[in-house]
Amino acid sequence: MGEVIQFVSKSERERVRLIQEARAIYDSIFPSADPAGERQDKAAGSRGFVRGDGGNLA
């Protein structure tokens, strides 16, 4: 009953999808020196939700 539903526009979902795709391409071209397990942990923490900072990658 206390559930909150957040509206995410189609353009915002597409923007997030394109950013994720670009990150995957970048990672395939420039692999990190971190072990694979650490890299996945960091990626999982930053993906899968919409950030509230307007998408700044600073």
PDB file of N, CA and C in Angstrom:
ATOM      1  N   MET A   1       0.811  -1.189   0.000  1.00  0.00           N
ATOM      2  CA  MET A   1       0.000   0.000   0.000  1.00  0.00           C
ATOM      3  C   MET A   1       0.862   1.265   0.000  1.00  0.00           C
ATOM      4  N   GLY A   2       2.010   1.227   0.640  1.00  0.00           N
ATOM      5  CA  GLY A   2       2.912   2.364   0.664  1.00  0.00           C
ATOM      6  C   GLY A   2       3.900   2.343  -0.481  1.00  0.00           C
ATOM      7  N   GLU A   3       3.598   1.622  -1.542  1.00  0.00           N
ATOM      8  CA  GLU A   3       4.521   1.464  -2.664  1.00  0.00           C
ATOM      9  C   GLU A   3       4.552   2.731  -3.516  1.00  0.00           C
ATOM     10  N   VAL A   4       5.745   3.129  -3.947  1.00  0.00           N
ATOM     11  CA  VAL A   4       5.917   4.312  -4.779  1.00  0.00           C
ATOM     12  C   VAL A   4       6.339   3.865  -6.167  1.00  0.00           C
ATOM     13  N   ILE A   5       5.673   4.368  -7.172  1.00  0.00           N
ATOM     14  CA  ILE A   5       6.003   4.045  -8.555  1.00  0.00           C
ATOM     15  C   ILE A   5       6.586   5.299  -9.187  1.00  0.00           C
ATOM     16  N   GLN A   6       7.797   5.155  -9.747  1.00  0.00           N
ATOM     17  CA  GLN A   6       8.472   6.301 -10.359  1.00  0.00           C
ATOM     18  C   GLN A   6       8.361   6.201 -11.876  1.00  0.00           C
ATOM     19  N   PHE A   7       7.916   7.263 -12.508  1.00  0.00           N
ATOM     20  CA  PHE A   7       7.807   7.306 -13.958  1.00  0.00           C
ATOM     21  C   PHE A   7       9.172   7.614 -14.560  1.00  0.00           C
ATOM     22  N   VAL A   8       9.588   6.794 -15.523  1.00  0.00           N
ATOM     23  CA  VAL A   8      10.824   7.036 -16.259  1.00  0.00           C
ATOM     24  C   VAL A   8      10.445   7.095 -17.729  1.00  0.00           C
ATOM     25  N   SER A   9      10.749   8.219 -18.350  1.00  0.00           N
ATOM     26  CA  SER A   9      10.351   8.414 -19.744  1.00  0.00           C
ATOM     27  C   SER A   9      11.097   7.456 -20.673  1.00  0.00           C
ATOM     28  N   LYS A  10      10.524   7.252 -21.820  1.00  0.00           N
ATOM     29  CA  LYS A  10      11.124   6.369 -22.822  1.00  0.00           C
ATOM     30  C   LYS A  10      12.497   6.899 -23.242  1.00  0.00           C
ATOM     31  N   SER A  11      12.617   8.207 -23.390  1.00  0.00           N
ATOM     32  CA  SER A  11      13.899   8.787 -23.802  1.00  0.00           C
ATOM     33  C   SER A  11      14.971   8.590 -22.725  1.00  0.00           C
ATOM     34  N   GLU A  12      14.567   8.657 -21.452  1.00  0.00           N
ATOM     35  CA  GLU A  12      15.528   8.440 -20.365  1.00  0.00           C
ATOM     36  C   GLU A  12      15.997   6.983 -20.342  1.00  0.00           C
ATOM     37  N   ARG A  13      15.075   6.050 -20.549  1.00  0.00           N
ATOM     38  CA  ARG A  13      15.467   4.628 -20.600  1.00  0.00           C
ATOM     39  C   ARG A  13      16.416   4.374 -21.756  1.00  0.00           C
ATOM     40  N   GLU A  14      16.152   5.002 -22.912  1.00  0.00           N
ATOM     41  CA  GLU A  14      17.022   4.847 -24.075  1.00  0.00           C
ATOM     42  C   GLU A  14      18.402   5.454 -23.802  1.00  0.00           C
ATOM     43  N   ARG A  15      18.432   6.613 -23.135  1.00  0.00           N
ATOM     44  CA  ARG A  15      19.705   7.246 -22.790  1.00  0.00           C
ATOM     45  C   ARG A  15      20.537   6.335 -21.896  1.00  0.00           C
ATOM     46  N   VAL A  16      19.903   5.735 -20.890  1.00  0.00           N
ATOM     47  CA  VAL A  16      20.601   4.828 -19.981  1.00  0.00           C
ATOM     48  C   VAL A  16      21.104   3.597 -20.739  1.00  0.00           C
ATOM     49  N   ARG A  17      20.276   3.055 -21.640  1.00  0.00           N
ATOM     50  CA  ARG A  17      20.683   1.885 -22.426  1.00  0.00           C
ATOM     51  C   ARG A  17      21.896   2.212 -23.304  1.00  0.00           C
ATOM     52  N   LEU A  18      21.882   3.382 -23.935  1.00  0.00           N
ATOM     53  CA  LEU A  18      23.003   3.773 -24.796  1.00  0.00           C
ATOM     54  C   LEU A  18      24.283   3.977 -23.991  1.00  0.00           C
ATOM     55  N   ILE A  19      24.162   4.551 -22.795  1.00  0.00           N
ATOM     56  CA  ILE A  19      25.337   4.721 -21.936  1.00  0.00           C
ATOM     57  C   ILE A  19      25.907   3.364 -21.546  1.00  0.00           C
ATOM     58  N   GLN A  20      25.047   2.419 -21.180  1.00  0.00           N
ATOM     59  CA  GLN A  20      25.511   1.083 -20.806  1.00  0.00           C
ATOM     60  C   GLN A  20      26.192   0.403 -21.985  1.00  0.00           C
ATOM     61  N   GLU A  21      25.619   0.555 -23.176  1.00  0.00           N
ATOM     62  CA  GLU A  21      26.218  -0.045 -24.358  1.00  0.00           C
ATOM     63  C   GLU A  21      27.585   0.580 -24.655  1.00  0.00           C
ATOM     64  N   ALA A  22      27.682   1.900 -24.521  1.00  0.00           N
ATOM     65  CA  ALA A  22      28.956   2.582 -24.756  1.00  0.00           C
ATOM     66  C   ALA A  22      30.006   2.140 -23.741  1.00  0.00           C
ATOM     67  N   ARG A  23      29.603   1.961 -22.478  1.00  0.00           N
ATOM     68  CA  ARG A  23      30.545   1.484 -21.460  1.00  0.00           C
ATOM     69  C   ARG A  23      31.050   0.085 -21.793  1.00  0.00           C
ATOM     70  N   ALA A  24      30.156  -0.773 -22.259  1.00  0.00           N
ATOM     71  CA  ALA A  24      30.550  -2.136 -22.614  1.00  0.00           C
ATOM     72  C   ALA A  24      31.548  -2.123 -23.772  1.00  0.00           C
ATOM     73  N   ILE A  25      31.300  -1.282 -24.773  1.00  0.00           N
ATOM     74  CA  ILE A  25      32.219  -1.170 -25.907  1.00  0.00           C
ATOM     75  C   ILE A  25      33.567  -0.631 -25.436  1.00  0.00           C
ATOM     76  N   TYR A  26      33.540   0.407 -24.610  1.00  0.00           N
ATOM     77  CA  TYR A  26      34.781   0.989 -24.084  1.00  0.00           C
ATOM     78  C   TYR A  26      35.572  -0.053 -23.291  1.00  0.00           C
ATOM     79  N   ASP A  27      34.875  -0.805 -22.437  1.00  0.00           N
ATOM     80  CA  ASP A  27      35.547  -1.830 -21.632  1.00  0.00           C
ATOM     81  C   ASP A  27      36.149  -2.935 -22.508  1.00  0.00           C
ATOM     82  N   SER A  28      35.500  -3.233 -23.632  1.00  0.00           N
ATOM     83  CA  SER A  28      36.048  -4.269 -24.507  1.00  0.00           C
ATOM     84  C   SER A  28      37.290  -3.770 -25.249  1.00  0.00           C
ATOM     85  N   ILE A  29      37.356  -2.465 -25.515  1.00  0.00           N
ATOM     86  CA  ILE A  29      38.507  -1.886 -26.212  1.00  0.00           C
ATOM     87  C   ILE A  29      39.643  -1.587 -25.239  1.00  0.00           C
ATOM     88  N   PHE A  30      39.306  -1.042 -24.071  1.00  0.00           N
ATOM     89  CA  PHE A  30      40.288  -0.656 -23.063  1.00  0.00           C
ATOM     90  C   PHE A  30      40.022  -1.427 -21.774  1.00  0.00           C
ATOM     91  N   PRO A  31      40.429  -2.694 -21.713  1.00  0.00           N
ATOM     92  CA  PRO A  31      40.166  -3.477 -20.501  1.00  0.00           C
ATOM     93  C   PRO A  31      40.885  -2.892 -19.291  1.00  0.00           C
ATOM     94  N   SER A  32      40.231  -2.987 -18.161  1.00  0.00           N
ATOM     95  CA  SER A  32      40.782  -2.477 -16.911  1.00  0.00           C
ATOM     96  C   SER A  32      41.883  -3.404 -16.407  1.00  0.00           C
ATOM     97  N   ALA A  33      42.814  -2.845 -15.612  1.00  0.00           N
ATOM     98  CA  ALA A  33      43.869  -3.654 -15.012  1.00  0.00           C
ATOM     99  C   ALA A  33      43.354  -4.410 -13.791  1.00  0.00           C
ATOM    100  N   ASP A  34      42.116  -4.046 -13.316  1.00  0.00           N
ATOM    101  CA  ASP A  34      41.520  -4.718 -12.164  1.00  0.00           C
ATOM    102  C   ASP A  34      41.160  -6.155 -12.521  1.00  0.00           C
ATOM    103  N   PRO A  35      41.209  -7.049 -11.532  1.00  0.00           N
ATOM    104  CA  PRO A  35      40.719  -8.407 -11.777  1.00  0.00           C
ATOM    105  C   PRO A  35      39.255  -8.366 -12.196  1.00  0.00           C
ATOM    106  N   ALA A  36      38.824  -9.332 -12.976  1.00  0.00           N
ATOM    107  CA  ALA A  36      37.475  -9.338 -13.535  1.00  0.00           C
ATOM    108  C   ALA A  36      36.403  -9.253 -12.461  1.00  0.00           C
ATOM    109  N   GLY A  37      36.577  -9.886 -11.329  1.00  0.00           N
ATOM    110  CA  GLY A  37      35.577  -9.873 -10.263  1.00  0.00           C
ATOM    111  C   GLY A  37      35.351  -8.490  -9.701  1.00  0.00           C
ATOM    112  N   GLU A  38      36.416  -7.729  -9.484  1.00  0.00           N
ATOM    113  CA  GLU A  38      36.285  -6.383  -8.948  1.00  0.00           C
ATOM    114  C   GLU A  38      35.596  -5.470  -9.954  1.00  0.00           C
ATOM    115  N   ARG A  39      35.924  -5.625 -11.226  1.00  0.00           N
ATOM    116  CA  ARG A  39      35.340  -4.786 -12.262  1.00  0.00           C
ATOM    117  C   ARG A  39      33.828  -5.016 -12.330  1.00  0.00           C
ATOM    118  N   GLN A  40      33.378  -6.254 -12.233  1.00  0.00           N
ATOM    119  CA  GLN A  40      31.948  -6.547 -12.283  1.00  0.00           C
ATOM    120  C   GLN A  40      31.240  -5.987 -11.065  1.00  0.00           C
ATOM    121  N   ASP A  41      31.865  -6.061  -9.884  1.00  0.00           N
ATOM    122  CA  ASP A  41      31.241  -5.525  -8.679  1.00  0.00           C
ATOM    123  C   ASP A  41      31.017  -4.021  -8.807  1.00  0.00           C
ATOM    124  N   LYS A  42      31.998  -3.304  -9.328  1.00  0.00           N
ATOM    125  CA  LYS A  42      31.870  -1.856  -9.493  1.00  0.00           C
ATOM    126  C   LYS A  42      30.793  -1.538 -10.519  1.00  0.00           C
ATOM    127  N   ALA A  43      30.768  -2.300 -11.616  1.00  0.00           N
ATOM    128  CA  ALA A  43      29.789  -2.056 -12.662  1.00  0.00           C
ATOM    129  C   ALA A  43      28.378  -2.309 -12.162  1.00  0.00           C
ATOM    130  N   ALA A  44      28.183  -3.339 -11.382  1.00  0.00           N
ATOM    131  CA  ALA A  44      26.851  -3.667 -10.878  1.00  0.00           C
ATOM    132  C   ALA A  44      26.335  -2.571  -9.960  1.00  0.00           C
ATOM    133  N   GLY A  45      27.215  -1.893  -9.260  1.00  0.00           N
ATOM    134  CA  GLY A  45      26.795  -0.835  -8.353  1.00  0.00           C
ATOM    135  C   GLY A  45      26.370   0.429  -9.066  1.00  0.00           C
ATOM    136  N   SER A  46      26.874   0.653 -10.287  1.00  0.00           N
ATOM    137  CA  SER A  46      26.566   1.893 -10.975  1.00  0.00           C
ATOM    138  C   SER A  46      25.530   1.721 -12.076  1.00  0.00           C
ATOM    139  N   ARG A  47      25.140   0.502 -12.368  1.00  0.00           N
ATOM    140  CA  ARG A  47      24.176   0.258 -13.438  1.00  0.00           C
ATOM    141  C   ARG A  47      22.899  -0.320 -12.858  1.00  0.00           C
ATOM    142  N   GLY A  48      21.864  -0.250 -13.638  1.00  0.00           N
ATOM    143  CA  GLY A  48      20.623  -0.862 -13.227  1.00  0.00           C
ATOM    144  C   GLY A  48      19.665   0.087 -12.537  1.00  0.00           C
ATOM    145  N   PHE A  49      20.047   1.351 -12.416  1.00  0.00           N
ATOM    146  CA  PHE A  49      19.136   2.338 -11.856  1.00  0.00           C
ATOM    147  C   PHE A  49      19.438   3.676 -12.495  1.00  0.00           C
ATOM    148  N   VAL A  50      18.492   4.556 -12.421  1.00  0.00           N
ATOM    149  CA  VAL A  50      18.654   5.884 -13.000  1.00  0.00           C
ATOM    150  C   VAL A  50      19.208   6.809 -11.934  1.00  0.00           C
ATOM    151  N   ARG A  51      20.311   7.461 -12.280  1.00  0.00           N
ATOM    152  CA  ARG A  51      20.938   8.361 -11.313  1.00  0.00           C
ATOM    153  C   ARG A  51      20.188   9.666 -11.249  1.00  0.00           C
ATOM    154  N   GLY A  52      20.189  10.279 -10.095  1.00  0.00           N
ATOM    155  CA  GLY A  52      19.481  11.536  -9.908  1.00  0.00           C
ATOM    156  C   GLY A  52      20.338  12.761 -10.136  1.00  0.00           C
ATOM    157  N   ASP A  53      21.564  12.586 -10.637  1.00  0.00           N
ATOM    158  CA  ASP A  53      22.457  13.742 -10.798  1.00  0.00           C
ATOM    159  C   ASP A  53      22.444  14.281 -12.223  1.00  0.00           C
ATOM    160  N   GLY A  54      21.458  13.895 -13.003  1.00  0.00           N
ATOM    161  CA  GLY A  54      21.371  14.392 -14.362  1.00  0.00           C
ATOM    162  C   GLY A  54      22.310  13.710 -15.329  1.00  0.00           C
ATOM    163  N   GLY A  55      22.931  12.606 -14.920  1.00  0.00           N
ATOM    164  CA  GLY A  55      23.797  11.848 -15.802  1.00  0.00           C
ATOM    165  C   GLY A  55      25.229  12.323 -15.856  1.00  0.00           C
ATOM    166  N   ASN A  56      25.632  13.182 -14.954  1.00  0.00           N
ATOM    167  CA  ASN A  56      27.017  13.643 -14.941  1.00  0.00           C
ATOM    168  C   ASN A  56      27.940  12.492 -14.604  1.00  0.00           C
ATOM    169  N   LEU A  57      29.000  12.355 -15.389  1.00  0.00           N
ATOM    170  CA  LEU A  57      29.935  11.255 -15.194  1.00  0.00           C
ATOM    171  C   LEU A  57      31.208  11.714 -14.486  1.00  0.00           C
ATOM    172  N   ALA A  58      31.156  12.824 -13.795  1.00  0.00           N
ATOM    173  CA  ALA A  58      32.335  13.399 -13.139  1.00  0.00           C
ATOM    174  C   ALA A  58      32.880  12.540 -12.062  1.00  0.00           C
TER     175      ALA A  58
END
